[in-house]
Amino acid sequence: TRTTVRMTKSVRLVSIEGLGITSLPREGMRRDGDAMALTEDAYPQMLETIYICFPPLIFHLIWKMARPFLPKRVCDKMDIINPLKNENERCRLYQHISQENLPEAFGGSRAHYLDWDESDE
């Protein structure tokens, strides 16, 4: 920002638990991809890391085959983790998201993803 002279970066958590070829939400993936492309075009350095959480075993094989064909800057921003089973991977999440703000589903202590207060509506 202009006042701190530091760029604000974003971190994305993507859970692919239980994902399979037949369960891919194609329309949602297309919209998400379009939104990410627009954001990256306008703010190319805004994305710090994408955490791919709870990958099925086949994902690791696909990632190993695809990784050599992707640009280094893309590979450096991707982190494939299972924060519930691996303490070191959970600690990598804590570098960007405090335990209090990380949802329980990802190894944090927050009960809900969003805390909506009905009085705010």
PDB file of N, CA and C in Angstrom:
ATOM      1  N   THR A   1       0.831  -1.178   0.000  1.00  0.00           N
ATOM      2  CA  THR A   1       0.000   0.000   0.000  1.00  0.00           C
ATOM      3  C   THR A   1       0.875   1.240   0.000  1.00  0.00           C
ATOM      4  N   ARG A   2       0.295   2.362  -0.245  1.00  0.00           N
ATOM      5  CA  ARG A   2       1.089   3.593  -0.313  1.00  0.00           C
ATOM      6  C   ARG A   2       1.559   4.059   1.056  1.00  0.00           C
ATOM      7  N   THR A   3       0.802   3.790   2.107  1.00  0.00           N
ATOM      8  CA  THR A   3       1.205   4.269   3.420  1.00  0.00           C
ATOM      9  C   THR A   3       2.290   3.402   4.042  1.00  0.00           C
ATOM     10  N   THR A   4       2.260   2.098   3.816  1.00  0.00           N
ATOM     11  CA  THR A   4       3.263   1.214   4.419  1.00  0.00           C
ATOM     12  C   THR A   4       4.369   0.833   3.460  1.00  0.00           C
ATOM     13  N   VAL A   5       4.195   1.111   2.190  1.00  0.00           N
ATOM     14  CA  VAL A   5       5.134   0.775   1.136  1.00  0.00           C
ATOM     15  C   VAL A   5       5.356  -0.746   1.074  1.00  0.00           C
ATOM     16  N   ARG A   6       4.419  -1.520   1.574  1.00  0.00           N
ATOM     17  CA  ARG A   6       4.458  -2.973   1.474  1.00  0.00           C
ATOM     18  C   ARG A   6       3.254  -3.426   0.673  1.00  0.00           C
ATOM     19  N   MET A   7       3.448  -4.462  -0.104  1.00  0.00           N
ATOM     20  CA  MET A   7       2.351  -4.989  -0.899  1.00  0.00           C
ATOM     21  C   MET A   7       1.568  -6.010  -0.074  1.00  0.00           C
ATOM     22  N   THR A   8       0.259  -5.878  -0.081  1.00  0.00           N
ATOM     23  CA  THR A   8      -0.592  -6.837   0.587  1.00  0.00           C
ATOM     24  C   THR A   8      -0.715  -8.063  -0.299  1.00  0.00           C
ATOM     25  N   LYS A   9      -0.470  -9.225   0.268  1.00  0.00           N
ATOM     26  CA  LYS A   9      -0.519 -10.475  -0.488  1.00  0.00           C
ATOM     27  C   LYS A   9      -1.700 -11.308  -0.008  1.00  0.00           C
ATOM     28  N   SER A  10      -2.195 -12.161  -0.889  1.00  0.00           N
ATOM     29  CA  SER A  10      -3.300 -13.028  -0.515  1.00  0.00           C
ATOM     30  C   SER A  10      -2.831 -14.479  -0.481  1.00  0.00           C
ATOM     31  N   VAL A  11      -3.512 -15.259   0.349  1.00  0.00           N
ATOM     32  CA  VAL A  11      -3.260 -16.684   0.485  1.00  0.00           C
ATOM     33  C   VAL A  11      -4.581 -17.391   0.258  1.00  0.00           C
ATOM     34  N   ARG A  12      -4.554 -18.442  -0.547  1.00  0.00           N
ATOM     35  CA  ARG A  12      -5.778 -19.199  -0.828  1.00  0.00           C
ATOM     36  C   ARG A  12      -5.656 -20.597  -0.262  1.00  0.00           C
ATOM     37  N   LEU A  13      -6.714 -21.041   0.385  1.00  0.00           N
ATOM     38  CA  LEU A  13      -6.826 -22.419   0.848  1.00  0.00           C
ATOM     39  C   LEU A  13      -7.819 -23.118  -0.063  1.00  0.00           C
ATOM     40  N   VAL A  14      -7.396 -24.207  -0.684  1.00  0.00           N
ATOM     41  CA  VAL A  14      -8.268 -24.955  -1.577  1.00  0.00           C
ATOM     42  C   VAL A  14      -8.294 -26.393  -1.084  1.00  0.00           C
ATOM     43  N   SER A  15      -9.447 -26.847  -0.634  1.00  0.00           N
ATOM     44  CA  SER A  15      -9.586 -28.228  -0.198  1.00  0.00           C
ATOM     45  C   SER A  15     -10.050 -29.068  -1.377  1.00  0.00           C
ATOM     46  N   ILE A  16      -9.268 -30.098  -1.696  1.00  0.00           N
ATOM     47  CA  ILE A  16      -9.675 -30.999  -2.774  1.00  0.00           C
ATOM     48  C   ILE A  16      -9.939 -32.394  -2.226  1.00  0.00           C
ATOM     49  N   GLU A  17     -10.305 -32.443  -0.960  1.00  0.00           N
ATOM     50  CA  GLU A  17     -10.618 -33.717  -0.321  1.00  0.00           C
ATOM     51  C   GLU A  17     -11.786 -34.393  -1.041  1.00  0.00           C
ATOM     52  N   GLY A  18     -11.605 -35.650  -1.386  1.00  0.00           N
ATOM     53  CA  GLY A  18     -12.661 -36.413  -2.039  1.00  0.00           C
ATOM     54  C   GLY A  18     -12.869 -36.067  -3.498  1.00  0.00           C
ATOM     55  N   LEU A  19     -11.987 -35.269  -4.057  1.00  0.00           N
ATOM     56  CA  LEU A  19     -12.139 -34.851  -5.446  1.00  0.00           C
ATOM     57  C   LEU A  19     -11.780 -36.001  -6.385  1.00  0.00           C
ATOM     58  N   GLY A  20     -12.592 -36.167  -7.390  1.00  0.00           N
ATOM     59  CA  GLY A  20     -12.337 -37.170  -8.414  1.00  0.00           C
ATOM     60  C   GLY A  20     -12.701 -36.599  -9.771  1.00  0.00           C
ATOM     61  N   ILE A  21     -12.367 -37.314 -10.810  1.00  0.00           N
ATOM     62  CA  ILE A  21     -12.641 -36.838 -12.168  1.00  0.00           C
ATOM     63  C   ILE A  21     -14.134 -36.609 -12.366  1.00  0.00           C
ATOM     64  N   THR A  22     -14.962 -37.485 -11.829  1.00  0.00           N
ATOM     65  CA  THR A  22     -16.409 -37.348 -12.033  1.00  0.00           C
ATOM     66  C   THR A  22     -17.032 -36.285 -11.144  1.00  0.00           C
ATOM     67  N   SER A  23     -16.297 -35.845 -10.111  1.00  0.00           N
ATOM     68  CA  SER A  23     -16.879 -34.865  -9.191  1.00  0.00           C
ATOM     69  C   SER A  23     -16.354 -33.452  -9.410  1.00  0.00           C
ATOM     70  N   LEU A  24     -15.658 -33.209 -10.508  1.00  0.00           N
ATOM     71  CA  LEU A  24     -15.137 -31.867 -10.768  1.00  0.00           C
ATOM     72  C   LEU A  24     -16.271 -30.908 -11.111  1.00  0.00           C
ATOM     73  N   PRO A  25     -16.424 -29.843 -10.352  1.00  0.00           N
ATOM     74  CA  PRO A  25     -17.447 -28.838 -10.669  1.00  0.00           C
ATOM     75  C   PRO A  25     -16.942 -27.915 -11.775  1.00  0.00           C
ATOM     76  N   ARG A  26     -17.147 -28.303 -12.998  1.00  0.00           N
ATOM     77  CA  ARG A  26     -16.553 -27.592 -14.136  1.00  0.00           C
ATOM     78  C   ARG A  26     -16.942 -26.113 -14.203  1.00  0.00           C
ATOM     79  N   GLU A  27     -18.206 -25.809 -13.994  1.00  0.00           N
ATOM     80  CA  GLU A  27     -18.644 -24.408 -14.066  1.00  0.00           C
ATOM     81  C   GLU A  27     -17.986 -23.575 -12.965  1.00  0.00           C
ATOM     82  N   GLY A  28     -17.947 -24.113 -11.761  1.00  0.00           N
ATOM     83  CA  GLY A  28     -17.304 -23.399 -10.655  1.00  0.00           C
ATOM     84  C   GLY A  28     -15.817 -23.216 -10.877  1.00  0.00           C
ATOM     85  N   MET A  29     -15.160 -24.245 -11.420  1.00  0.00           N
ATOM     86  CA  MET A  29     -13.728 -24.135 -11.708  1.00  0.00           C
ATOM     87  C   MET A  29     -13.471 -23.092 -12.789  1.00  0.00           C
ATOM     88  N   ARG A  30     -14.346 -23.023 -13.787  1.00  0.00           N
ATOM     89  CA  ARG A  30     -14.175 -22.036 -14.847  1.00  0.00           C
ATOM     90  C   ARG A  30     -14.312 -20.621 -14.287  1.00  0.00           C
ATOM     91  N   ARG A  31     -15.346 -20.413 -13.462  1.00  0.00           N
ATOM     92  CA  ARG A  31     -15.551 -19.087 -12.857  1.00  0.00           C
ATOM     93  C   ARG A  31     -14.384 -18.711 -11.969  1.00  0.00           C
ATOM     94  N   ASP A  32     -13.918 -19.670 -11.156  1.00  0.00           N
ATOM     95  CA  ASP A  32     -12.802 -19.402 -10.259  1.00  0.00           C
ATOM     96  C   ASP A  32     -11.535 -19.087 -11.056  1.00  0.00           C
ATOM     97  N   GLY A  33     -11.326 -19.837 -12.127  1.00  0.00           N
ATOM     98  CA  GLY A  33     -10.168 -19.585 -12.985  1.00  0.00           C
ATOM     99  C   GLY A  33     -10.236 -18.218 -13.642  1.00  0.00           C
ATOM    100  N   ASP A  34     -11.427 -17.835 -14.102  1.00  0.00           N
ATOM    101  CA  ASP A  34     -11.595 -16.511 -14.711  1.00  0.00           C
ATOM    102  C   ASP A  34     -11.321 -15.405 -13.700  1.00  0.00           C
ATOM    103  N   ALA A  35     -11.829 -15.578 -12.479  1.00  0.00           N
ATOM    104  CA  ALA A  35     -11.613 -14.573 -11.438  1.00  0.00           C
ATOM    105  C   ALA A  35     -10.136 -14.477 -11.069  1.00  0.00           C
ATOM    106  N   MET A  36      -9.463 -15.616 -10.958  1.00  0.00           N
ATOM    107  CA  MET A  36      -8.030 -15.594 -10.647  1.00  0.00           C
ATOM    108  C   MET A  36      -7.231 -14.949 -11.764  1.00  0.00           C
ATOM    109  N   ALA A  37      -7.587 -15.252 -13.014  1.00  0.00           N
ATOM    110  CA  ALA A  37      -6.869 -14.662 -14.147  1.00  0.00           C
ATOM    111  C   ALA A  37      -7.035 -13.148 -14.159  1.00  0.00           C
ATOM    112  N   LEU A  38      -8.248 -12.681 -13.897  1.00  0.00           N
ATOM    113  CA  LEU A  38      -8.500 -11.243 -13.856  1.00  0.00           C
ATOM    114  C   LEU A  38      -7.689 -10.584 -12.742  1.00  0.00           C
ATOM    115  N   THR A  39      -7.678 -11.205 -11.568  1.00  0.00           N
ATOM    116  CA  THR A  39      -6.915 -10.671 -10.445  1.00  0.00           C
ATOM    117  C   THR A  39      -5.425 -10.667 -10.753  1.00  0.00           C
ATOM    118  N   GLU A  40      -4.930 -11.757 -11.311  1.00  0.00           N
ATOM    119  CA  GLU A  40      -3.506 -11.839 -11.632  1.00  0.00           C
ATOM    120  C   GLU A  40      -3.113 -10.834 -12.713  1.00  0.00           C
ATOM    121  N   ASP A  41      -4.023 -10.575 -13.668  1.00  0.00           N
ATOM    122  CA  ASP A  41      -3.725  -9.581 -14.705  1.00  0.00           C
ATOM    123  C   ASP A  41      -3.632  -8.175 -14.114  1.00  0.00           C
ATOM    124  N   ALA A  42      -4.547  -7.877 -13.186  1.00  0.00           N
ATOM    125  CA  ALA A  42      -4.579  -6.542 -12.597  1.00  0.00           C
ATOM    126  C   ALA A  42      -3.526  -6.377 -11.496  1.00  0.00           C
ATOM    127  N   TYR A  43      -3.317  -7.426 -10.712  1.00  0.00           N
ATOM    128  CA  TYR A  43      -2.385  -7.380  -9.581  1.00  0.00           C
ATOM    129  C   TYR A  43      -1.489  -8.614  -9.625  1.00  0.00           C
ATOM    130  N   PRO A  44      -0.500  -8.648 -10.507  1.00  0.00           N
ATOM    131  CA  PRO A  44       0.260  -9.881 -10.745  1.00  0.00           C
ATOM    132  C   PRO A  44       1.048 -10.400  -9.541  1.00  0.00           C
ATOM    133  N   GLN A  45       1.404  -9.559  -8.619  1.00  0.00           N
ATOM    134  CA  GLN A  45       2.191 -10.018  -7.480  1.00  0.00           C
ATOM    135  C   GLN A  45       1.367 -10.165  -6.203  1.00  0.00           C
ATOM    136  N   MET A  46       0.054 -10.121  -6.320  1.00  0.00           N
ATOM    137  CA  MET A  46      -0.797 -10.143  -5.137  1.00  0.00           C
ATOM    138  C   MET A  46      -0.888 -11.525  -4.480  1.00  0.00           C
ATOM    139  N   LEU A  47      -0.790 -12.587  -5.241  1.00  0.00           N
ATOM    140  CA  LEU A  47      -0.927 -13.934  -4.696  1.00  0.00           C
ATOM    141  C   LEU A  47       0.389 -14.391  -4.071  1.00  0.00           C
ATOM    142  N   GLU A  48       0.348 -14.696  -2.797  1.00  0.00           N
ATOM    143  CA  GLU A  48       1.528 -15.196  -2.086  1.00  0.00           C
ATOM    144  C   GLU A  48       1.640 -16.713  -2.274  1.00  0.00           C
ATOM    145  N   THR A  49       0.598 -17.435  -1.881  1.00  0.00           N
ATOM    146  CA  THR A  49       0.628 -18.897  -1.918  1.00  0.00           C
ATOM    147  C   THR A  49      -0.781 -19.442  -2.100  1.00  0.00           C
ATOM    148  N   ILE A  50      -0.864 -20.569  -2.797  1.00  0.00           N
ATOM    149  CA  ILE A  50      -2.100 -21.346  -2.836  1.00  0.00           C
ATOM    150  C   ILE A  50      -1.796 -22.656  -2.128  1.00  0.00           C
ATOM    151  N   TYR A  51      -2.519 -22.916  -1.048  1.00  0.00           N
ATOM    152  CA  TYR A  51      -2.380 -24.176  -0.337  1.00  0.00           C
ATOM    153  C   TYR A  51      -3.430 -25.144  -0.862  1.00  0.00           C
ATOM    154  N   ILE A  52      -2.979 -26.225  -1.490  1.00  0.00           N
ATOM    155  CA  ILE A  52      -3.864 -27.284  -1.947  1.00  0.00           C
ATOM    156  C   ILE A  52      -3.924 -28.289  -0.802  1.00  0.00           C
ATOM    157  N   CYS A  53      -5.079 -28.388  -0.156  1.00  0.00           N
ATOM    158  CA  CYS A  53      -5.217 -29.194   1.053  1.00  0.00           C
ATOM    159  C   CYS A  53      -5.954 -30.507   0.794  1.00  0.00           C
ATOM    160  N   PHE A  54      -5.517 -31.526   1.493  1.00  0.00           N
ATOM    161  CA  PHE A  54      -6.143 -32.854   1.498  1.00  0.00           C
ATOM    162  C   PHE A  54      -6.203 -33.477   0.104  1.00  0.00           C
ATOM    163  N   PRO A  55      -5.066 -33.510  -0.611  1.00  0.00           N
ATOM    164  CA  PRO A  55      -5.095 -34.071  -1.967  1.00  0.00           C
ATOM    165  C   PRO A  55      -5.241 -35.586  -1.952  1.00  0.00           C
ATOM    166  N   PRO A  56      -5.997 -36.130  -2.906  1.00  0.00           N
ATOM    167  CA  PRO A  56      -6.030 -37.591  -3.040  1.00  0.00           C
ATOM    168  C   PRO A  56      -4.666 -38.067  -3.572  1.00  0.00           C
ATOM    169  N   LEU A  57      -4.371 -39.333  -3.396  1.00  0.00           N
ATOM    170  CA  LEU A  57      -3.067 -39.861  -3.799  1.00  0.00           C
ATOM    171  C   LEU A  57      -2.767 -39.619  -5.277  1.00  0.00           C
ATOM    172  N   ILE A  58      -3.760 -39.727  -6.116  1.00  0.00           N
ATOM    173  CA  ILE A  58      -3.547 -39.544  -7.549  1.00  0.00           C
ATOM    174  C   ILE A  58      -3.088 -38.122  -7.874  1.00  0.00           C
ATOM    175  N   PHE A  59      -3.467 -37.159  -7.037  1.00  0.00           N
ATOM    176  CA  PHE A  59      -3.082 -35.768  -7.280  1.00  0.00           C
ATOM    177  C   PHE A  59      -1.562 -35.596  -7.254  1.00  0.00           C
ATOM    178  N   HIS A  60      -0.902 -36.290  -6.321  1.00  0.00           N
ATOM    179  CA  HIS A  60       0.558 -36.185  -6.239  1.00  0.00           C
ATOM    180  C   HIS A  60       1.218 -36.673  -7.527  1.00  0.00           C
ATOM    181  N   LEU A  61       0.699 -37.744  -8.090  1.00  0.00           N
ATOM    182  CA  LEU A  61       1.232 -38.270  -9.351  1.00  0.00           C
ATOM    183  C   LEU A  61       1.022 -37.268 -10.487  1.00  0.00           C
ATOM    184  N   ILE A  62      -0.178 -36.723 -10.569  1.00  0.00           N
ATOM    185  CA  ILE A  62      -0.482 -35.726 -11.604  1.00  0.00           C
ATOM    186  C   ILE A  62       0.402 -34.489 -11.432  1.00  0.00           C
ATOM    187  N   TRP A  63       0.593 -34.050 -10.195  1.00  0.00           N
ATOM    188  CA  TRP A  63       1.419 -32.879  -9.925  1.00  0.00           C
ATOM    189  C   TRP A  63       2.870 -33.118 -10.349  1.00  0.00           C
ATOM    190  N   LYS A  64       3.399 -34.314 -10.062  1.00  0.00           N
ATOM    191  CA  LYS A  64       4.776 -34.621 -10.451  1.00  0.00           C
ATOM    192  C   LYS A  64       4.940 -34.608 -11.967  1.00  0.00           C
ATOM    193  N   MET A  65       3.922 -35.042 -12.692  1.00  0.00           N
ATOM    194  CA  MET A  65       4.004 -35.047 -14.157  1.00  0.00           C
ATOM    195  C   MET A  65       3.825 -33.643 -14.734  1.00  0.00           C
ATOM    196  N   ALA A  66       2.968 -32.838 -14.135  1.00  0.00           N
ATOM    197  CA  ALA A  66       2.663 -31.507 -14.677  1.00  0.00           C
ATOM    198  C   ALA A  66       3.693 -30.452 -14.278  1.00  0.00           C
ATOM    199  N   ARG A  67       4.294 -30.591 -13.132  1.00  0.00           N
ATOM    200  CA  ARG A  67       5.188 -29.574 -12.585  1.00  0.00           C
ATOM    201  C   ARG A  67       6.305 -29.131 -13.537  1.00  0.00           C
ATOM    202  N   PRO A  68       6.983 -30.049 -14.233  1.00  0.00           N
ATOM    203  CA  PRO A  68       8.066 -29.602 -15.132  1.00  0.00           C
ATOM    204  C   PRO A  68       7.588 -28.704 -16.279  1.00  0.00           C
ATOM    205  N   PHE A  69       6.315 -28.758 -16.602  1.00  0.00           N
ATOM    206  CA  PHE A  69       5.799 -27.965 -17.717  1.00  0.00           C
ATOM    207  C   PHE A  69       5.265 -26.600 -17.275  1.00  0.00           C
ATOM    208  N   LEU A  70       5.158 -26.383 -15.981  1.00  0.00           N
ATOM    209  CA  LEU A  70       4.638 -25.122 -15.453  1.00  0.00           C
ATOM    210  C   LEU A  70       5.779 -24.148 -15.189  1.00  0.00           C
ATOM    211  N   PRO A  71       5.510 -22.851 -15.295  1.00  0.00           N
ATOM    212  CA  PRO A  71       6.546 -21.859 -14.977  1.00  0.00           C
ATOM    213  C   PRO A  71       6.972 -21.967 -13.508  1.00  0.00           C
ATOM    214  N   LYS A  72       8.237 -21.696 -13.238  1.00  0.00           N
ATOM    215  CA  LYS A  72       8.763 -21.781 -11.873  1.00  0.00           C
ATOM    216  C   LYS A  72       7.985 -20.899 -10.909  1.00  0.00           C
ATOM    217  N   ARG A  73       7.591 -19.708 -11.355  1.00  0.00           N
ATOM    218  CA  ARG A  73       6.858 -18.799 -10.465  1.00  0.00           C
ATOM    219  C   ARG A  73       5.511 -19.390 -10.040  1.00  0.00           C
ATOM    220  N   VAL A  74       4.897 -20.205 -10.897  1.00  0.00           N
ATOM    221  CA  VAL A  74       3.633 -20.865 -10.546  1.00  0.00           C
ATOM    222  C   VAL A  74       3.896 -21.970  -9.531  1.00  0.00           C
ATOM    223  N   CYS A  75       4.908 -22.792  -9.796  1.00  0.00           N
ATOM    224  CA  CYS A  75       5.232 -23.894  -8.884  1.00  0.00           C
ATOM    225  C   CYS A  75       5.645 -23.391  -7.505  1.00  0.00           C
ATOM    226  N   ASP A  76       6.350 -22.269  -7.464  1.00  0.00           N
ATOM    227  CA  ASP A  76       6.792 -21.715  -6.187  1.00  0.00           C
ATOM    228  C   ASP A  76       5.628 -21.214  -5.338  1.00  0.00           C
ATOM    229  N   LYS A  77       4.503 -20.892  -5.955  1.00  0.00           N
ATOM    230  CA  LYS A  77       3.343 -20.388  -5.218  1.00  0.00           C
ATOM    231  C   LYS A  77       2.394 -21.494  -4.780  1.00  0.00           C
ATOM    232  N   MET A  78       2.609 -22.717  -5.230  1.00  0.00           N
ATOM    233  CA  MET A  78       1.729 -23.830  -4.894  1.00  0.00           C
ATOM    234  C   MET A  78       2.350 -24.650  -3.765  1.00  0.00           C
ATOM    235  N   ASP A  79       1.540 -25.001  -2.788  1.00  0.00           N
ATOM    236  CA  ASP A  79       1.995 -25.832  -1.682  1.00  0.00           C
ATOM    237  C   ASP A  79       0.927 -26.890  -1.431  1.00  0.00           C
ATOM    238  N   ILE A  80       1.288 -28.151  -1.563  1.00  0.00           N
ATOM    239  CA  ILE A  80       0.342 -29.254  -1.402  1.00  0.00           C
ATOM    240  C   ILE A  80       0.534 -29.814  -0.004  1.00  0.00           C
ATOM    241  N   ILE A  81      -0.520 -29.731   0.806  1.00  0.00           N
ATOM    242  CA  ILE A  81      -0.388 -30.087   2.222  1.00  0.00           C
ATOM    243  C   ILE A  81      -1.588 -30.878   2.722  1.00  0.00           C
ATOM    244  N   ASN A  82      -1.365 -31.549   3.857  1.00  0.00           N
ATOM    245  CA  ASN A  82      -2.449 -32.172   4.613  1.00  0.00           C
ATOM    246  C   ASN A  82      -2.271 -31.703   6.057  1.00  0.00           C
ATOM    247  N   PRO A  83      -2.828 -30.542   6.407  1.00  0.00           N
ATOM    248  CA  PRO A  83      -2.537 -29.933   7.708  1.00  0.00           C
ATOM    249  C   PRO A  83      -3.068 -30.716   8.909  1.00  0.00           C
ATOM    250  N   LEU A  84      -4.022 -31.619   8.713  1.00  0.00           N
ATOM    251  CA  LEU A  84      -4.525 -32.393   9.841  1.00  0.00           C
ATOM    252  C   LEU A  84      -3.621 -33.563  10.193  1.00  0.00           C
ATOM    253  N   LYS A  85      -2.862 -34.053   9.235  1.00  0.00           N
ATOM    254  CA  LYS A  85      -2.006 -35.217   9.467  1.00  0.00           C
ATOM    255  C   LYS A  85      -0.548 -34.862   9.666  1.00  0.00           C
ATOM    256  N   ASN A  86      -0.131 -33.670   9.251  1.00  0.00           N
ATOM    257  CA  ASN A  86       1.279 -33.320   9.280  1.00  0.00           C
ATOM    258  C   ASN A  86       1.481 -31.983   9.990  1.00  0.00           C
ATOM    259  N   GLU A  87       2.137 -32.028  11.125  1.00  0.00           N
ATOM    260  CA  GLU A  87       2.361 -30.826  11.937  1.00  0.00           C
ATOM    261  C   GLU A  87       3.214 -29.788  11.206  1.00  0.00           C
ATOM    262  N   ASN A  88       4.244 -30.233  10.471  1.00  0.00           N
ATOM    263  CA  ASN A  88       5.096 -29.294   9.739  1.00  0.00           C
ATOM    264  C   ASN A  88       4.298 -28.537   8.682  1.00  0.00           C
ATOM    265  N   GLU A  89       3.401 -29.236   8.013  1.00  0.00           N
ATOM    266  CA  GLU A  89       2.574 -28.580   6.995  1.00  0.00           C
ATOM    267  C   GLU A  89       1.590 -27.607   7.637  1.00  0.00           C
ATOM    268  N   ARG A  90       1.056 -27.958   8.801  1.00  0.00           N
ATOM    269  CA  ARG A  90       0.158 -27.054   9.515  1.00  0.00           C
ATOM    270  C   ARG A  90       0.917 -25.802   9.948  1.00  0.00           C
ATOM    271  N   CYS A  91       2.171 -25.955  10.355  1.00  0.00           N
ATOM    272  CA  CYS A  91       2.984 -24.796  10.749  1.00  0.00           C
ATOM    273  C   CYS A  91       3.232 -23.865   9.570  1.00  0.00           C
ATOM    274  N   ARG A  92       3.326 -24.413   8.351  1.00  0.00           N
ATOM    275  CA  ARG A  92       3.474 -23.550   7.173  1.00  0.00           C
ATOM    276  C   ARG A  92       2.232 -22.680   6.984  1.00  0.00           C
ATOM    277  N   LEU A  93       1.065 -23.242   7.284  1.00  0.00           N
ATOM    278  CA  LEU A  93      -0.166 -22.444   7.219  1.00  0.00           C
ATOM    279  C   LEU A  93      -0.140 -21.330   8.256  1.00  0.00           C
ATOM    280  N   TYR A  94       0.368 -21.643   9.450  1.00  0.00           N
ATOM    281  CA  TYR A  94       0.400 -20.654  10.532  1.00  0.00           C
ATOM    282  C   TYR A  94       1.305 -19.466  10.209  1.00  0.00           C
ATOM    283  N   GLN A  95       2.186 -19.602   9.227  1.00  0.00           N
ATOM    284  CA  GLN A  95       3.002 -18.458   8.826  1.00  0.00           C
ATOM    285  C   GLN A  95       2.141 -17.363   8.208  1.00  0.00           C
ATOM    286  N   HIS A  96       0.988 -17.751   7.655  1.00  0.00           N
ATOM    287  CA  HIS A  96       0.119 -16.792   6.967  1.00  0.00           C
ATOM    288  C   HIS A  96      -1.213 -16.572   7.668  1.00  0.00           C
ATOM    289  N   ILE A  97      -1.686 -17.589   8.394  1.00  0.00           N
ATOM    290  CA  ILE A  97      -3.004 -17.514   9.030  1.00  0.00           C
ATOM    291  C   ILE A  97      -2.853 -17.963  10.477  1.00  0.00           C
ATOM    292  N   SER A  98      -3.280 -17.138  11.408  1.00  0.00           N
ATOM    293  CA  SER A  98      -3.160 -17.517  12.811  1.00  0.00           C
ATOM    294  C   SER A  98      -4.075 -18.696  13.123  1.00  0.00           C
ATOM    295  N   GLN A  99      -3.724 -19.460  14.138  1.00  0.00           N
ATOM    296  CA  GLN A  99      -4.512 -20.636  14.515  1.00  0.00           C
ATOM    297  C   GLN A  99      -5.941 -20.244  14.862  1.00  0.00           C
ATOM    298  N   GLU A 100      -6.130 -19.079  15.450  1.00  0.00           N
ATOM    299  CA  GLU A 100      -7.466 -18.626  15.831  1.00  0.00           C
ATOM    300  C   GLU A 100      -8.336 -18.335  14.606  1.00  0.00           C
ATOM    301  N   ASN A 101      -7.729 -17.952  13.501  1.00  0.00           N
ATOM    302  CA  ASN A 101      -8.478 -17.616  12.293  1.00  0.00           C
ATOM    303  C   ASN A 101      -8.572 -18.768  11.293  1.00  0.00           C
ATOM    304  N   LEU A 102      -7.797 -19.801  11.500  1.00  0.00           N
ATOM    305  CA  LEU A 102      -7.815 -20.954  10.605  1.00  0.00           C
ATOM    306  C   LEU A 102      -8.966 -21.880  10.996  1.00  0.00           C
ATOM    307  N   PRO A 103      -9.829 -22.257  10.049  1.00  0.00           N
ATOM    308  CA  PRO A 103     -10.957 -23.142  10.368  1.00  0.00           C
ATOM    309  C   PRO A 103     -10.493 -24.501  10.906  1.00  0.00           C
ATOM    310  N   GLU A 104     -11.316 -25.097  11.748  1.00  0.00           N
ATOM    311  CA  GLU A 104     -11.011 -26.409  12.321  1.00  0.00           C
ATOM    312  C   GLU A 104     -10.736 -27.445  11.243  1.00  0.00           C
ATOM    313  N   ALA A 105     -11.422 -27.349  10.126  1.00  0.00           N
ATOM    314  CA  ALA A 105     -11.248 -28.310   9.031  1.00  0.00           C
ATOM    315  C   ALA A 105      -9.821 -28.309   8.487  1.00  0.00           C
ATOM    316  N   PHE A 106      -9.069 -27.225   8.743  1.00  0.00           N
ATOM    317  CA  PHE A 106      -7.695 -27.114   8.268  1.00  0.00           C
ATOM    318  C   PHE A 106      -6.684 -27.182   9.412  1.00  0.00           C
ATOM    319  N   GLY A 107      -7.130 -27.540  10.607  1.00  0.00           N
ATOM    320  CA  GLY A 107      -6.227 -27.678  11.746  1.00  0.00           C
ATOM    321  C   GLY A 107      -6.171 -26.479  12.667  1.00  0.00           C
ATOM    322  N   GLY A 108      -7.053 -25.507  12.462  1.00  0.00           N
ATOM    323  CA  GLY A 108      -7.088 -24.331  13.326  1.00  0.00           C
ATOM    324  C   GLY A 108      -8.108 -24.491  14.438  1.00  0.00           C
ATOM    325  N   SER A 109      -8.466 -23.387  15.065  1.00  0.00           N
ATOM    326  CA  SER A 109      -9.426 -23.444  16.165  1.00  0.00           C
ATOM    327  C   SER A 109     -10.723 -22.693  15.881  1.00  0.00           C
ATOM    328  N   ARG A 110     -10.869 -22.130  14.699  1.00  0.00           N
ATOM    329  CA  ARG A 110     -12.102 -21.403  14.349  1.00  0.00           C
ATOM    330  C   ARG A 110     -13.185 -22.411  13.983  1.00  0.00           C
ATOM    331  N   ALA A 111     -14.344 -22.260  14.611  1.00  0.00           N
ATOM    332  CA  ALA A 111     -15.429 -23.224  14.398  1.00  0.00           C
ATOM    333  C   ALA A 111     -16.068 -23.090  13.023  1.00  0.00           C
ATOM    334  N   HIS A 112     -16.132 -21.881  12.490  1.00  0.00           N
ATOM    335  CA  HIS A 112     -16.799 -21.645  11.213  1.00  0.00           C
ATOM    336  C   HIS A 112     -15.869 -20.875  10.281  1.00  0.00           C
ATOM    337  N   TYR A 113     -16.093 -21.027   8.980  1.00  0.00           N
ATOM    338  CA  TYR A 113     -15.306 -20.283   8.000  1.00  0.00           C
ATOM    339  C   TYR A 113     -15.582 -18.791   8.132  1.00  0.00           C
ATOM    340  N   LEU A 114     -16.859 -18.444   8.215  1.00  0.00           N
ATOM    341  CA  LEU A 114     -17.262 -17.045   8.353  1.00  0.00           C
ATOM    342  C   LEU A 114     -18.188 -16.929   9.552  1.00  0.00           C
ATOM    343  N   ASP A 115     -17.977 -15.937  10.356  1.00  0.00           N
ATOM    344  CA  ASP A 115     -18.864 -15.675  11.484  1.00  0.00           C
ATOM    345  C   ASP A 115     -19.777 -14.530  11.116  1.00  0.00           C
ATOM    346  N   TRP A 116     -20.973 -14.865  10.653  1.00  0.00           N
ATOM    347  CA  TRP A 116     -21.934 -13.835  10.273  1.00  0.00           C
ATOM    348  C   TRP A 116     -22.803 -13.500  11.467  1.00  0.00           C
ATOM    349  N   ASP A 117     -22.893 -12.234  11.751  1.00  0.00           N
ATOM    350  CA  ASP A 117     -23.775 -11.764  12.807  1.00  0.00           C
ATOM    351  C   ASP A 117     -25.045 -11.245  12.127  1.00  0.00           C
ATOM    352  N   GLU A 118     -26.197 -11.822  12.484  1.00  0.00           N
ATOM    353  CA  GLU A 118     -27.441 -11.460  11.815  1.00  0.00           C
ATOM    354  C   GLU A 118     -27.760  -9.969  11.971  1.00  0.00           C
ATOM    355  N   SER A 119     -27.259  -9.347  13.003  1.00  0.00           N
ATOM    356  CA  SER A 119     -27.533  -7.919  13.200  1.00  0.00           C
ATOM    357  C   SER A 119     -26.792  -7.048  12.187  1.00  0.00           C
ATOM    358  N   ASP A 120     -25.763  -7.613  11.534  1.00  0.00           N
ATOM    359  CA  ASP A 120     -25.003  -6.849  10.539  1.00  0.00           C
ATOM    360  C   ASP A 120     -25.728  -6.702   9.220  1.00  0.00           C
ATOM    361  N   GLU A 121     -26.743  -7.505   8.982  1.00  0.00           N
ATOM    362  CA  GLU A 121     -27.434  -7.493   7.686  1.00  0.00           C
ATOM    363  C   GLU A 121     -28.261  -6.253   7.495  1.00  0.00           C
TER     364      GLU A 121
END
